[in-house]
Amino acid sequence: VPIYPHLNVFIDGDTIVAFTENVEQRFVSHDWQVLRFDVNAHDLNAITGVIVAARTEKNKPTITCLQTMIGYGSKQQVIHGIHGS
């Protein structure tokens, strides 16, 4: 089951500056099941639950979208400067 991480941050700052694509809608338009979960993407038990839920669809491909946190657990978490630090 593919998992798309919503980071909302890239090396120069917030993705809103340069990335406006609606990834979820792109997959919907290709007839995928798109599941968005509001869970901690760094929690392995939560990820397991997401995968189990995604596997229930048997007739088309599924992608799950999770909010992730860049630099999770570090002093620079959620700061775009973590790239290359």
PDB file of N, CA and C in Angstrom:
ATOM      1  N   VAL A   1       0.860  -1.176   0.000  1.00  0.00           N
ATOM      2  CA  VAL A   1       0.000   0.000   0.000  1.00  0.00           C
ATOM      3  C   VAL A   1       0.903   1.233   0.000  1.00  0.00           C
ATOM      4  N   PRO A   2       0.840   2.038  -1.047  1.00  0.00           N
ATOM      5  CA  PRO A   2       1.652   3.256  -1.052  1.00  0.00           C
ATOM      6  C   PRO A   2       1.164   4.257  -0.007  1.00  0.00           C
ATOM      7  N   ILE A   3       2.100   4.921   0.613  1.00  0.00           N
ATOM      8  CA  ILE A   3       1.785   5.967   1.585  1.00  0.00           C
ATOM      9  C   ILE A   3       2.421   7.260   1.097  1.00  0.00           C
ATOM     10  N   TYR A   4       1.582   8.277   0.892  1.00  0.00           N
ATOM     11  CA  TYR A   4       2.079   9.580   0.448  1.00  0.00           C
ATOM     12  C   TYR A   4       2.243  10.466   1.678  1.00  0.00           C
ATOM     13  N   PRO A   5       3.456  10.919   1.945  1.00  0.00           N
ATOM     14  CA  PRO A   5       3.674  11.779   3.110  1.00  0.00           C
ATOM     15  C   PRO A   5       3.419  13.249   2.777  1.00  0.00           C
ATOM     16  N   HIS A   6       2.528  13.866   3.498  1.00  0.00           N
ATOM     17  CA  HIS A   6       2.301  15.308   3.367  1.00  0.00           C
ATOM     18  C   HIS A   6       3.272  16.010   4.312  1.00  0.00           C
ATOM     19  N   LEU A   7       4.373  16.491   3.772  1.00  0.00           N
ATOM     20  CA  LEU A   7       5.354  17.193   4.600  1.00  0.00           C
ATOM     21  C   LEU A   7       5.033  18.675   4.739  1.00  0.00           C
ATOM     22  N   ASN A   8       4.555  19.283   3.670  1.00  0.00           N
ATOM     23  CA  ASN A   8       4.278  20.721   3.616  1.00  0.00           C
ATOM     24  C   ASN A   8       5.521  21.583   3.786  1.00  0.00           C
ATOM     25  N   VAL A   9       6.699  20.969   3.700  1.00  0.00           N
ATOM     26  CA  VAL A   9       7.946  21.711   3.829  1.00  0.00           C
ATOM     27  C   VAL A   9       8.935  21.144   2.818  1.00  0.00           C
ATOM     28  N   PHE A  10       9.673  22.022   2.174  1.00  0.00           N
ATOM     29  CA  PHE A  10      10.785  21.583   1.340  1.00  0.00           C
ATOM     30  C   PHE A  10      11.984  22.431   1.677  1.00  0.00           C
ATOM     31  N   ILE A  11      13.075  22.262   0.983  1.00  0.00           N
ATOM     32  CA  ILE A  11      14.356  22.830   1.401  1.00  0.00           C
ATOM     33  C   ILE A  11      14.333  24.362   1.573  1.00  0.00           C
ATOM     34  N   ASP A  12      13.483  25.057   0.808  1.00  0.00           N
ATOM     35  CA  ASP A  12      13.457  26.525   0.892  1.00  0.00           C
ATOM     36  C   ASP A  12      12.314  27.081   1.730  1.00  0.00           C
ATOM     37  N   GLY A  13      11.497  26.230   2.289  1.00  0.00           N
ATOM     38  CA  GLY A  13      10.386  26.713   3.113  1.00  0.00           C
ATOM     39  C   GLY A  13       9.124  25.916   2.881  1.00  0.00           C
ATOM     40  N   ASP A  14       7.993  26.564   3.070  1.00  0.00           N
ATOM     41  CA  ASP A  14       6.691  25.919   2.929  1.00  0.00           C
ATOM     42  C   ASP A  14       6.423  25.552   1.475  1.00  0.00           C
ATOM     43  N   THR A  15       5.811  24.399   1.251  1.00  0.00           N
ATOM     44  CA  THR A  15       5.551  23.926  -0.115  1.00  0.00           C
ATOM     45  C   THR A  15       4.551  24.800  -0.855  1.00  0.00           C
ATOM     46  N   ILE A  16       3.765  25.579  -0.163  1.00  0.00           N
ATOM     47  CA  ILE A  16       2.778  26.438  -0.816  1.00  0.00           C
ATOM     48  C   ILE A  16       3.452  27.411  -1.789  1.00  0.00           C
ATOM     49  N   VAL A  17       4.730  27.675  -1.589  1.00  0.00           N
ATOM     50  CA  VAL A  17       5.484  28.583  -2.452  1.00  0.00           C
ATOM     51  C   VAL A  17       5.661  28.005  -3.861  1.00  0.00           C
ATOM     52  N   ALA A  18       5.849  26.686  -3.957  1.00  0.00           N
ATOM     53  CA  ALA A  18       6.201  26.106  -5.253  1.00  0.00           C
ATOM     54  C   ALA A  18       5.417  24.856  -5.642  1.00  0.00           C
ATOM     55  N   PHE A  19       4.644  24.296  -4.741  1.00  0.00           N
ATOM     56  CA  PHE A  19       3.967  23.028  -5.031  1.00  0.00           C
ATOM     57  C   PHE A  19       2.492  23.183  -4.711  1.00  0.00           C
ATOM     58  N   THR A  20       1.682  23.279  -5.752  1.00  0.00           N
ATOM     59  CA  THR A  20       0.254  23.493  -5.542  1.00  0.00           C
ATOM     60  C   THR A  20      -0.605  22.328  -6.012  1.00  0.00           C
ATOM     61  N   GLU A  21       0.021  21.250  -6.441  1.00  0.00           N
ATOM     62  CA  GLU A  21      -0.725  20.100  -6.932  1.00  0.00           C
ATOM     63  C   GLU A  21      -1.544  19.457  -5.811  1.00  0.00           C
ATOM     64  N   ASN A  22      -2.762  19.069  -6.139  1.00  0.00           N
ATOM     65  CA  ASN A  22      -3.590  18.310  -5.217  1.00  0.00           C
ATOM     66  C   ASN A  22      -3.334  16.829  -5.497  1.00  0.00           C
ATOM     67  N   VAL A  23      -2.421  16.243  -4.761  1.00  0.00           N
ATOM     68  CA  VAL A  23      -1.988  14.865  -4.992  1.00  0.00           C
ATOM     69  C   VAL A  23      -3.161  13.898  -4.828  1.00  0.00           C
ATOM     70  N   GLU A  24      -3.970  14.114  -3.816  1.00  0.00           N
ATOM     71  CA  GLU A  24      -5.109  13.236  -3.592  1.00  0.00           C
ATOM     72  C   GLU A  24      -6.048  13.246  -4.796  1.00  0.00           C
ATOM     73  N   GLN A  25      -6.345  14.422  -5.322  1.00  0.00           N
ATOM     74  CA  GLN A  25      -7.250  14.525  -6.470  1.00  0.00           C
ATOM     75  C   GLN A  25      -6.648  13.867  -7.716  1.00  0.00           C
ATOM     76  N   ARG A  26      -5.341  13.953  -7.866  1.00  0.00           N
ATOM     77  CA  ARG A  26      -4.688  13.294  -9.006  1.00  0.00           C
ATOM     78  C   ARG A  26      -4.968  11.796  -8.990  1.00  0.00           C
ATOM     79  N   PHE A  27      -4.850  11.166  -7.829  1.00  0.00           N
ATOM     80  CA  PHE A  27      -5.094   9.731  -7.740  1.00  0.00           C
ATOM     81  C   PHE A  27      -6.580   9.397  -7.883  1.00  0.00           C
ATOM     82  N   VAL A  28      -7.447  10.242  -7.347  1.00  0.00           N
ATOM     83  CA  VAL A  28      -8.890  10.032  -7.526  1.00  0.00           C
ATOM     84  C   VAL A  28      -9.235  10.051  -9.010  1.00  0.00           C
ATOM     85  N   SER A  29      -8.641  10.960  -9.753  1.00  0.00           N
ATOM     86  CA  SER A  29      -8.933  11.071 -11.189  1.00  0.00           C
ATOM     87  C   SER A  29      -8.477   9.836 -11.969  1.00  0.00           C
ATOM     88  N   HIS A  30      -7.566   9.062 -11.408  1.00  0.00           N
ATOM     89  CA  HIS A  30      -7.116   7.812 -12.034  1.00  0.00           C
ATOM     90  C   HIS A  30      -7.839   6.606 -11.437  1.00  0.00           C
ATOM     91  N   ASP A  31      -8.943   6.870 -10.743  1.00  0.00           N
ATOM     92  CA  ASP A  31      -9.811   5.853 -10.152  1.00  0.00           C
ATOM     93  C   ASP A  31      -9.139   5.032  -9.058  1.00  0.00           C
ATOM     94  N   TRP A  32      -8.280   5.669  -8.298  1.00  0.00           N
ATOM     95  CA  TRP A  32      -7.714   5.035  -7.112  1.00  0.00           C
ATOM     96  C   TRP A  32      -8.621   5.332  -5.922  1.00  0.00           C
ATOM     97  N   GLN A  33      -8.571   4.457  -4.926  1.00  0.00           N
ATOM     98  CA  GLN A  33      -9.158   4.784  -3.635  1.00  0.00           C
ATOM     99  C   GLN A  33      -8.108   5.610  -2.888  1.00  0.00           C
ATOM    100  N   VAL A  34      -8.494   6.769  -2.415  1.00  0.00           N
ATOM    101  CA  VAL A  34      -7.572   7.636  -1.678  1.00  0.00           C
ATOM    102  C   VAL A  34      -8.074   7.744  -0.246  1.00  0.00           C
ATOM    103  N   LEU A  35      -7.234   7.345   0.679  1.00  0.00           N
ATOM    104  CA  LEU A  35      -7.581   7.420   2.089  1.00  0.00           C
ATOM    105  C   LEU A  35      -6.682   8.442   2.763  1.00  0.00           C
ATOM    106  N   ARG A  36      -7.295   9.352   3.499  1.00  0.00           N
ATOM    107  CA  ARG A  36      -6.530  10.340   4.252  1.00  0.00           C
ATOM    108  C   ARG A  36      -6.775  10.068   5.725  1.00  0.00           C
ATOM    109  N   PHE A  37      -5.706   9.900   6.442  1.00  0.00           N
ATOM    110  CA  PHE A  37      -5.802   9.586   7.853  1.00  0.00           C
ATOM    111  C   PHE A  37      -5.170  10.700   8.674  1.00  0.00           C
ATOM    112  N   ASP A  38      -5.848  11.077   9.720  1.00  0.00           N
ATOM    113  CA  ASP A  38      -5.334  12.083  10.634  1.00  0.00           C
ATOM    114  C   ASP A  38      -4.709  11.360  11.825  1.00  0.00           C
ATOM    115  N   VAL A  39      -3.561  10.741  11.552  1.00  0.00           N
ATOM    116  CA  VAL A  39      -2.837   9.997  12.593  1.00  0.00           C
ATOM    117  C   VAL A  39      -1.394  10.486  12.609  1.00  0.00           C
ATOM    118  N   ASN A  40      -0.702  10.150  13.665  1.00  0.00           N
ATOM    119  CA  ASN A  40       0.721  10.458  13.748  1.00  0.00           C
ATOM    120  C   ASN A  40       1.454   9.508  12.805  1.00  0.00           C
ATOM    121  N   ALA A  41       1.984  10.021  11.725  1.00  0.00           N
ATOM    122  CA  ALA A  41       2.652   9.190  10.722  1.00  0.00           C
ATOM    123  C   ALA A  41       3.956   8.593  11.229  1.00  0.00           C
ATOM    124  N   HIS A  42       4.349   8.952  12.424  1.00  0.00           N
ATOM    125  CA  HIS A  42       5.568   8.404  13.009  1.00  0.00           C
ATOM    126  C   HIS A  42       5.251   7.339  14.069  1.00  0.00           C
ATOM    127  N   ASP A  43       3.979   6.986  14.170  1.00  0.00           N
ATOM    128  CA  ASP A  43       3.515   5.977  15.115  1.00  0.00           C
ATOM    129  C   ASP A  43       3.281   4.675  14.352  1.00  0.00           C
ATOM    130  N   LEU A  44       4.129   3.680  14.559  1.00  0.00           N
ATOM    131  CA  LEU A  44       4.047   2.435  13.799  1.00  0.00           C
ATOM    132  C   LEU A  44       2.725   1.707  13.997  1.00  0.00           C
ATOM    133  N   ASN A  45       2.149   1.777  15.177  1.00  0.00           N
ATOM    134  CA  ASN A  45       0.843   1.148  15.393  1.00  0.00           C
ATOM    135  C   ASN A  45      -0.236   1.840  14.565  1.00  0.00           C
ATOM    136  N   ALA A  46      -0.177   3.160  14.482  1.00  0.00           N
ATOM    137  CA  ALA A  46      -1.138   3.902  13.669  1.00  0.00           C
ATOM    138  C   ALA A  46      -0.964   3.561  12.191  1.00  0.00           C
ATOM    139  N   ILE A  47       0.275   3.451  11.736  1.00  0.00           N
ATOM    140  CA  ILE A  47       0.555   3.093  10.341  1.00  0.00           C
ATOM    141  C   ILE A  47       0.010   1.699  10.038  1.00  0.00           C
ATOM    142  N   THR A  48       0.169   0.781  10.958  1.00  0.00           N
ATOM    143  CA  THR A  48      -0.362  -0.576  10.766  1.00  0.00           C
ATOM    144  C   THR A  48      -1.877  -0.521  10.575  1.00  0.00           C
ATOM    145  N   GLY A  49      -2.556   0.266  11.378  1.00  0.00           N
ATOM    146  CA  GLY A  49      -4.003   0.417  11.235  1.00  0.00           C
ATOM    147  C   GLY A  49      -4.397   0.999   9.894  1.00  0.00           C
ATOM    148  N   VAL A  50      -3.622   1.949   9.416  1.00  0.00           N
ATOM    149  CA  VAL A  50      -3.863   2.559   8.104  1.00  0.00           C
ATOM    150  C   VAL A  50      -3.733   1.510   7.003  1.00  0.00           C
ATOM    151  N   ILE A  51      -2.700   0.713   7.061  1.00  0.00           N
ATOM    152  CA  ILE A  51      -2.471  -0.311   6.032  1.00  0.00           C
ATOM    153  C   ILE A  51      -3.588  -1.355   6.060  1.00  0.00           C
ATOM    154  N   VAL A  52      -3.990  -1.771   7.242  1.00  0.00           N
ATOM    155  CA  VAL A  52      -5.089  -2.737   7.347  1.00  0.00           C
ATOM    156  C   VAL A  52      -6.354  -2.162   6.711  1.00  0.00           C
ATOM    157  N   ALA A  53      -6.675  -0.914   7.002  1.00  0.00           N
ATOM    158  CA  ALA A  53      -7.864  -0.275   6.417  1.00  0.00           C
ATOM    159  C   ALA A  53      -7.744  -0.172   4.899  1.00  0.00           C
ATOM    160  N   ALA A  54      -6.567   0.150   4.412  1.00  0.00           N
ATOM    161  CA  ALA A  54      -6.368   0.322   2.968  1.00  0.00           C
ATOM    162  C   ALA A  54      -6.511  -0.999   2.224  1.00  0.00           C
ATOM    163  N   ARG A  55      -6.157  -2.084   2.850  1.00  0.00           N
ATOM    164  CA  ARG A  55      -6.217  -3.393   2.194  1.00  0.00           C
ATOM    165  C   ARG A  55      -7.634  -3.930   2.031  1.00  0.00           C
ATOM    166  N   THR A  56      -8.621  -3.259   2.595  1.00  0.00           N
ATOM    167  CA  THR A  56      -9.997  -3.758   2.454  1.00  0.00           C
ATOM    168  C   THR A  56     -10.542  -3.550   1.049  1.00  0.00           C
ATOM    169  N   GLU A  57     -10.010  -2.588   0.312  1.00  0.00           N
ATOM    170  CA  GLU A  57     -10.439  -2.346  -1.080  1.00  0.00           C
ATOM    171  C   GLU A  57      -9.805  -3.397  -1.972  1.00  0.00           C
ATOM    172  N   LYS A  58     -10.639  -4.130  -2.686  1.00  0.00           N
ATOM    173  CA  LYS A  58     -10.141  -5.220  -3.531  1.00  0.00           C
ATOM    174  C   LYS A  58     -10.281  -4.937  -5.025  1.00  0.00           C
ATOM    175  N   ASN A  59     -10.986  -3.861  -5.403  1.00  0.00           N
ATOM    176  CA  ASN A  59     -11.295  -3.629  -6.814  1.00  0.00           C
ATOM    177  C   ASN A  59     -10.474  -2.542  -7.494  1.00  0.00           C
ATOM    178  N   LYS A  60      -9.736  -1.777  -6.721  1.00  0.00           N
ATOM    179  CA  LYS A  60      -8.893  -0.749  -7.335  1.00  0.00           C
ATOM    180  C   LYS A  60      -7.713  -0.443  -6.422  1.00  0.00           C
ATOM    181  N   PRO A  61      -6.685   0.165  -6.972  1.00  0.00           N
ATOM    182  CA  PRO A  61      -5.511   0.478  -6.141  1.00  0.00           C
ATOM    183  C   PRO A  61      -5.847   1.524  -5.081  1.00  0.00           C
ATOM    184  N   THR A  62      -5.080   1.500  -4.020  1.00  0.00           N
ATOM    185  CA  THR A  62      -5.302   2.410  -2.897  1.00  0.00           C
ATOM    186  C   THR A  62      -4.005   3.124  -2.564  1.00  0.00           C
ATOM    187  N   ILE A  63      -4.120   4.397  -2.261  1.00  0.00           N
ATOM    188  CA  ILE A  63      -2.997   5.162  -1.717  1.00  0.00           C
ATOM    189  C   ILE A  63      -3.491   5.829  -0.442  1.00  0.00           C
ATOM    190  N   THR A  64      -2.636   5.873   0.543  1.00  0.00           N
ATOM    191  CA  THR A  64      -2.987   6.543   1.783  1.00  0.00           C
ATOM    192  C   THR A  64      -2.163   7.812   1.908  1.00  0.00           C
ATOM    193  N   CYS A  65      -2.770   8.837   2.438  1.00  0.00           N
ATOM    194  CA  CYS A  65      -2.092  10.126   2.614  1.00  0.00           C
ATOM    195  C   CYS A  65      -2.021  10.428   4.103  1.00  0.00           C
ATOM    196  N   LEU A  66      -0.822  10.681   4.567  1.00  0.00           N
ATOM    197  CA  LEU A  66      -0.591  10.951   5.984  1.00  0.00           C
ATOM    198  C   LEU A  66       0.179  12.252   6.155  1.00  0.00           C
ATOM    199  N   GLN A  67      -0.157  12.980   7.179  1.00  0.00           N
ATOM    200  CA  GLN A  67       0.597  14.179   7.528  1.00  0.00           C
ATOM    201  C   GLN A  67       1.857  13.750   8.258  1.00  0.00           C
ATOM    202  N   THR A  68       3.002  14.180   7.804  1.00  0.00           N
ATOM    203  CA  THR A  68       4.260  13.846   8.467  1.00  0.00           C
ATOM    204  C   THR A  68       4.937  15.120   8.970  1.00  0.00           C
ATOM    205  N   MET A  69       5.933  14.949   9.778  1.00  0.00           N
ATOM    206  CA  MET A  69       6.628  16.081  10.371  1.00  0.00           C
ATOM    207  C   MET A  69       8.112  15.967  10.048  1.00  0.00           C
ATOM    208  N   ILE A  70       8.620  16.908   9.288  1.00  0.00           N
ATOM    209  CA  ILE A  70      10.023  16.886   8.919  1.00  0.00           C
ATOM    210  C   ILE A  70      10.890  17.044  10.178  1.00  0.00           C
ATOM    211  N   GLY A  71      11.926  16.244  10.249  1.00  0.00           N
ATOM    212  CA  GLY A  71      12.841  16.319  11.378  1.00  0.00           C
ATOM    213  C   GLY A  71      12.262  15.821  12.681  1.00  0.00           C
ATOM    214  N   TYR A  72      11.230  14.979  12.591  1.00  0.00           N
ATOM    215  CA  TYR A  72      10.530  14.488  13.778  1.00  0.00           C
ATOM    216  C   TYR A  72      11.511  13.996  14.837  1.00  0.00           C
ATOM    217  N   GLY A  73      11.369  14.495  16.032  1.00  0.00           N
ATOM    218  CA  GLY A  73      12.207  14.071  17.153  1.00  0.00           C
ATOM    219  C   GLY A  73      13.490  14.858  17.327  1.00  0.00           C
ATOM    220  N   SER A  74      13.797  15.732  16.373  1.00  0.00           N
ATOM    221  CA  SER A  74      15.031  16.519  16.483  1.00  0.00           C
ATOM    222  C   SER A  74      14.722  17.912  17.031  1.00  0.00           C
ATOM    223  N   LYS A  75      15.753  18.660  17.324  1.00  0.00           N
ATOM    224  CA  LYS A  75      15.568  20.029  17.794  1.00  0.00           C
ATOM    225  C   LYS A  75      15.032  20.938  16.687  1.00  0.00           C
ATOM    226  N   GLN A  76      15.169  20.508  15.437  1.00  0.00           N
ATOM    227  CA  GLN A  76      14.717  21.329  14.307  1.00  0.00           C
ATOM    228  C   GLN A  76      13.453  20.772  13.655  1.00  0.00           C
ATOM    229  N   GLN A  77      12.663  19.991  14.391  1.00  0.00           N
ATOM    230  CA  GLN A  77      11.483  19.423  13.761  1.00  0.00           C
ATOM    231  C   GLN A  77      10.567  20.537  13.266  1.00  0.00           C
ATOM    232  N   VAL A  78      10.012  20.323  12.093  1.00  0.00           N
ATOM    233  CA  VAL A  78       9.115  21.229  11.387  1.00  0.00           C
ATOM    234  C   VAL A  78       9.829  22.468  10.839  1.00  0.00           C
ATOM    235  N   ILE A  79      11.126  22.536  10.890  1.00  0.00           N
ATOM    236  CA  ILE A  79      11.877  23.673  10.355  1.00  0.00           C
ATOM    237  C   ILE A  79      12.528  23.239   9.049  1.00  0.00           C
ATOM    238  N   HIS A  80      12.259  23.982   7.978  1.00  0.00           N
ATOM    239  CA  HIS A  80      12.772  23.574   6.674  1.00  0.00           C
ATOM    240  C   HIS A  80      14.302  23.486   6.646  1.00  0.00           C
ATOM    241  N   GLY A  81      14.978  24.184   7.520  1.00  0.00           N
ATOM    242  CA  GLY A  81      16.429  24.155   7.557  1.00  0.00           C
ATOM    243  C   GLY A  81      17.027  22.818   7.942  1.00  0.00           C
ATOM    244  N   ILE A  82      16.179  21.878   8.369  1.00  0.00           N
ATOM    245  CA  ILE A  82      16.692  20.544   8.716  1.00  0.00           C
ATOM    246  C   ILE A  82      17.299  19.859   7.501  1.00  0.00           C
ATOM    247  N   HIS A  83      16.844  20.223   6.300  1.00  0.00           N
ATOM    248  CA  HIS A  83      17.421  19.668   5.082  1.00  0.00           C
ATOM    249  C   HIS A  83      18.885  20.084   4.994  1.00  0.00           C
ATOM    250  N   GLY A  84      19.762  19.152   4.958  1.00  0.00           N
ATOM    251  CA  GLY A  84      21.184  19.440   4.803  1.00  0.00           C
ATOM    252  C   GLY A  84      21.881  19.848   6.085  1.00  0.00           C
ATOM    253  N   SER A  85      21.153  19.861   7.194  1.00  0.00           N
ATOM    254  CA  SER A  85      21.784  20.256   8.462  1.00  0.00           C
ATOM    255  C   SER A  85      22.586  19.112   9.047  1.00  0.00           C
TER     256      SER A  85
END
